[in-house]
Amino acid sequence: MFLIVLLGLLVVGLAIGAYALFAPRRAVPVAASQTPVAPPPANIASEAERVDAVFAMGALDGDEATRRLAEALDDPSETVALAAAHALASSGRSAVLDAYAASHPGARSSQLTQTIGWMHGD
């Protein structure tokens, strides 16, 4: 009896799977509010990639790495800018962050220096 029920369930499962696999599909129109967002151009790195690049730059010494980290402080993403500020402070280049805050007064640089001060116990 148990074997018959088990075989019956197997047949039903196979029938459902076959229907799901071979059933005709119908196109669902996309509403105006559900317009798909175009992916960013291939030459622009994602926010996560820019953060990774910032942390990699933070591990390097030299003027070029410092310059690129200072440029990342102006990134449109606050996450990337915070990563750059953290990389500068962690690598002993907080003077660059202080100079940035002095030359860019405002809420963003104030928030960056405040967060870095909190993170590094200043």
C-alpha atoms as a PDB file:
ATOM      1  CA  MET A   1       0.000   0.000   0.000  1.00  0.00           C
ATOM      2  CA  PHE A   2       2.791   2.393   0.965  1.00  0.00           C
ATOM      3  CA  LEU A   3       4.603   1.673  -2.285  1.00  0.00           C
ATOM      4  CA  ILE A   4       1.491   2.466  -4.346  1.00  0.00           C
ATOM      5  CA  VAL A   5       1.045   5.847  -2.582  1.00  0.00           C
ATOM      6  CA  LEU A   6       4.724   6.645  -3.051  1.00  0.00           C
ATOM      7  CA  LEU A   7       4.577   5.784  -6.770  1.00  0.00           C
ATOM      8  CA  GLY A   8       1.410   7.871  -7.136  1.00  0.00           C
ATOM      9  CA  LEU A   9       3.158  10.887  -5.548  1.00  0.00           C
ATOM     10  CA  LEU A  10       6.136  10.362  -7.836  1.00  0.00           C
ATOM     11  CA  VAL A  11       3.901  10.332 -10.922  1.00  0.00           C
ATOM     12  CA  VAL A  12       2.078  13.476  -9.779  1.00  0.00           C
ATOM     13  CA  GLY A  13       5.396  15.209  -9.084  1.00  0.00           C
ATOM     14  CA  LEU A  14       6.757  14.273 -12.494  1.00  0.00           C
ATOM     15  CA  ALA A  15       3.581  15.535 -14.166  1.00  0.00           C
ATOM     16  CA  ILE A  16       3.783  18.880 -12.357  1.00  0.00           C
ATOM     17  CA  GLY A  17       7.478  19.187 -13.239  1.00  0.00           C
ATOM     18  CA  ALA A  18       6.832  18.393 -16.891  1.00  0.00           C
ATOM     19  CA  TYR A  19       4.017  20.935 -17.056  1.00  0.00           C
ATOM     20  CA  ALA A  20       6.208  23.607 -15.440  1.00  0.00           C
ATOM     21  CA  LEU A  21       9.000  22.843 -17.865  1.00  0.00           C
ATOM     22  CA  PHE A  22       6.968  22.700 -21.077  1.00  0.00           C
ATOM     23  CA  ALA A  23       4.020  25.036 -20.370  1.00  0.00           C
ATOM     24  CA  PRO A  24       3.704  27.960 -22.779  1.00  0.00           C
ATOM     25  CA  ARG A  25       4.857  31.273 -21.365  1.00  0.00           C
ATOM     26  CA  ARG A  26       2.976  34.497 -21.845  1.00  0.00           C
ATOM     27  CA  ALA A  27       4.604  37.887 -21.871  1.00  0.00           C
ATOM     28  CA  VAL A  28       3.698  40.126 -18.974  1.00  0.00           C
ATOM     29  CA  PRO A  29       3.664  43.800 -19.928  1.00  0.00           C
ATOM     30  CA  VAL A  30       5.880  46.057 -17.825  1.00  0.00           C
ATOM     31  CA  ALA A  31       4.018  48.947 -16.224  1.00  0.00           C
ATOM     32  CA  ALA A  32       5.478  52.438 -16.601  1.00  0.00           C
ATOM     33  CA  SER A  33       6.380  52.527 -12.912  1.00  0.00           C
ATOM     34  CA  GLN A  34       8.224  49.211 -13.267  1.00  0.00           C
ATOM     35  CA  THR A  35      10.532  50.329 -16.039  1.00  0.00           C
ATOM     36  CA  PRO A  36      13.746  48.360 -15.693  1.00  0.00           C
ATOM     37  CA  VAL A  37      16.775  50.380 -14.690  1.00  0.00           C
ATOM     38  CA  ALA A  38      19.620  50.271 -17.167  1.00  0.00           C
ATOM     39  CA  PRO A  39      22.860  48.861 -15.784  1.00  0.00           C
ATOM     40  CA  PRO A  40      25.729  51.301 -15.417  1.00  0.00           C
ATOM     41  CA  PRO A  41      28.142  51.573 -18.330  1.00  0.00           C
ATOM     42  CA  ALA A  42      30.833  48.922 -18.346  1.00  0.00           C
ATOM     43  CA  ASN A  43      33.636  51.417 -17.750  1.00  0.00           C
ATOM     44  CA  ILE A  44      32.185  52.686 -14.442  1.00  0.00           C
ATOM     45  CA  ALA A  45      33.027  50.593 -11.396  1.00  0.00           C
ATOM     46  CA  SER A  46      30.308  49.751  -8.915  1.00  0.00           C
ATOM     47  CA  GLU A  47      30.328  51.176  -5.410  1.00  0.00           C
ATOM     48  CA  ALA A  48      31.624  47.884  -4.003  1.00  0.00           C
ATOM     49  CA  GLU A  49      34.445  47.792  -6.551  1.00  0.00           C
ATOM     50  CA  ARG A  50      35.416  51.376  -5.708  1.00  0.00           C
ATOM     51  CA  VAL A  51      35.465  50.556  -1.976  1.00  0.00           C
ATOM     52  CA  ASP A  52      37.693  47.541  -2.673  1.00  0.00           C
ATOM     53  CA  ALA A  53      40.007  49.741  -4.741  1.00  0.00           C
ATOM     54  CA  VAL A  54      40.160  52.322  -1.944  1.00  0.00           C
ATOM     55  CA  PHE A  55      41.139  49.709   0.629  1.00  0.00           C
ATOM     56  CA  ALA A  56      43.776  48.334  -1.756  1.00  0.00           C
ATOM     57  CA  MET A  57      45.149  51.872  -2.227  1.00  0.00           C
ATOM     58  CA  GLY A  58      45.206  52.319   1.549  1.00  0.00           C
ATOM     59  CA  ALA A  59      47.663  49.446   1.805  1.00  0.00           C
ATOM     60  CA  LEU A  60      50.081  51.192  -0.572  1.00  0.00           C
ATOM     61  CA  ASP A  61      52.567  53.895   0.293  1.00  0.00           C
ATOM     62  CA  GLY A  62      53.521  56.773  -1.917  1.00  0.00           C
ATOM     63  CA  ASP A  63      52.239  59.999  -3.339  1.00  0.00           C
ATOM     64  CA  GLU A  64      50.097  58.401  -6.039  1.00  0.00           C
ATOM     65  CA  ALA A  65      48.189  56.243  -3.541  1.00  0.00           C
ATOM     66  CA  THR A  66      47.704  59.238  -1.249  1.00  0.00           C
ATOM     67  CA  ARG A  67      46.480  61.367  -4.158  1.00  0.00           C
ATOM     68  CA  ARG A  68      43.978  58.724  -5.231  1.00  0.00           C
ATOM     69  CA  LEU A  69      42.689  58.321  -1.677  1.00  0.00           C
ATOM     70  CA  ALA A  70      42.260  62.092  -1.414  1.00  0.00           C
ATOM     71  CA  GLU A  71      40.314  62.049  -4.702  1.00  0.00           C
ATOM     72  CA  ALA A  72      38.103  59.267  -3.351  1.00  0.00           C
ATOM     73  CA  LEU A  73      37.010  61.607  -0.545  1.00  0.00           C
ATOM     74  CA  ASP A  74      35.003  63.433  -3.255  1.00  0.00           C
ATOM     75  CA  ASP A  75      33.314  60.243  -4.522  1.00  0.00           C
ATOM     76  CA  PRO A  76      29.526  60.620  -4.883  1.00  0.00           C
ATOM     77  CA  SER A  77      29.075  57.602  -2.601  1.00  0.00           C
ATOM     78  CA  GLU A  78      29.397  58.355   1.095  1.00  0.00           C
ATOM     79  CA  THR A  79      30.514  54.756   1.613  1.00  0.00           C
ATOM     80  CA  VAL A  80      33.467  55.174  -0.738  1.00  0.00           C
ATOM     81  CA  ALA A  81      34.389  58.511   0.839  1.00  0.00           C
ATOM     82  CA  LEU A  82      34.248  56.986   4.331  1.00  0.00           C
ATOM     83  CA  ALA A  83      36.402  54.063   3.181  1.00  0.00           C
ATOM     84  CA  ALA A  84      38.955  56.541   1.809  1.00  0.00           C
ATOM     85  CA  ALA A  85      38.948  58.535   5.058  1.00  0.00           C
ATOM     86  CA  HIS A  86      39.400  55.335   7.052  1.00  0.00           C
ATOM     87  CA  ALA A  87      42.244  54.186   4.779  1.00  0.00           C
ATOM     88  CA  LEU A  88      43.977  57.540   5.184  1.00  0.00           C
ATOM     89  CA  ALA A  89      43.605  57.562   8.959  1.00  0.00           C
ATOM     90  CA  SER A  90      44.613  53.910   9.325  1.00  0.00           C
ATOM     91  CA  SER A  91      47.772  54.370   7.295  1.00  0.00           C
ATOM     92  CA  GLY A  92      48.967  57.410   9.227  1.00  0.00           C
ATOM     93  CA  ARG A  93      47.923  59.964   6.623  1.00  0.00           C
ATOM     94  CA  SER A  94      45.283  61.778   8.695  1.00  0.00           C
ATOM     95  CA  ALA A  95      46.870  65.096   7.752  1.00  0.00           C
ATOM     96  CA  VAL A  96      45.423  64.594   4.260  1.00  0.00           C
ATOM     97  CA  LEU A  97      41.969  64.081   5.757  1.00  0.00           C
ATOM     98  CA  ASP A  98      42.390  67.167   7.958  1.00  0.00           C
ATOM     99  CA  ALA A  99      43.459  69.233   4.937  1.00  0.00           C
ATOM    100  CA  TYR A 100      40.444  67.966   3.006  1.00  0.00           C
ATOM    101  CA  ALA A 101      38.088  68.910   5.834  1.00  0.00           C
ATOM    102  CA  ALA A 102      39.652  72.377   6.041  1.00  0.00           C
ATOM    103  CA  SER A 103      39.321  72.981   2.299  1.00  0.00           C
ATOM    104  CA  HIS A 104      35.809  71.479   2.033  1.00  0.00           C
ATOM    105  CA  PRO A 105      33.783  72.895   4.906  1.00  0.00           C
ATOM    106  CA  GLY A 106      30.332  71.428   5.219  1.00  0.00           C
ATOM    107  CA  ALA A 107      28.251  68.623   6.576  1.00  0.00           C
ATOM    108  CA  ARG A 108      29.940  65.839   4.604  1.00  0.00           C
ATOM    109  CA  SER A 109      33.528  66.572   5.604  1.00  0.00           C
ATOM    110  CA  SER A 110      32.379  67.244   9.159  1.00  0.00           C
ATOM    111  CA  GLN A 111      30.621  63.880   9.255  1.00  0.00           C
ATOM    112  CA  LEU A 112      33.661  62.128   7.774  1.00  0.00           C
ATOM    113  CA  THR A 113      36.076  63.557  10.331  1.00  0.00           C
ATOM    114  CA  GLN A 114      33.633  62.922  13.165  1.00  0.00           C
ATOM    115  CA  THR A 115      33.116  59.289  12.135  1.00  0.00           C
ATOM    116  CA  ILE A 116      36.833  58.699  11.669  1.00  0.00           C
ATOM    117  CA  GLY A 117      37.512  60.288  15.063  1.00  0.00           C
ATOM    118  CA  TRP A 118      34.974  57.942  16.605  1.00  0.00           C
ATOM    119  CA  MET A 119      36.403  54.901  14.785  1.00  0.00           C
ATOM    120  CA  HIS A 120      39.984  55.663  15.718  1.00  0.00           C
ATOM    121  CA  GLY A 121      39.302  56.911  19.235  1.00  0.00           C
ATOM    122  CA  ASP A 122      40.452  60.485  18.678  1.00  0.00           C
END
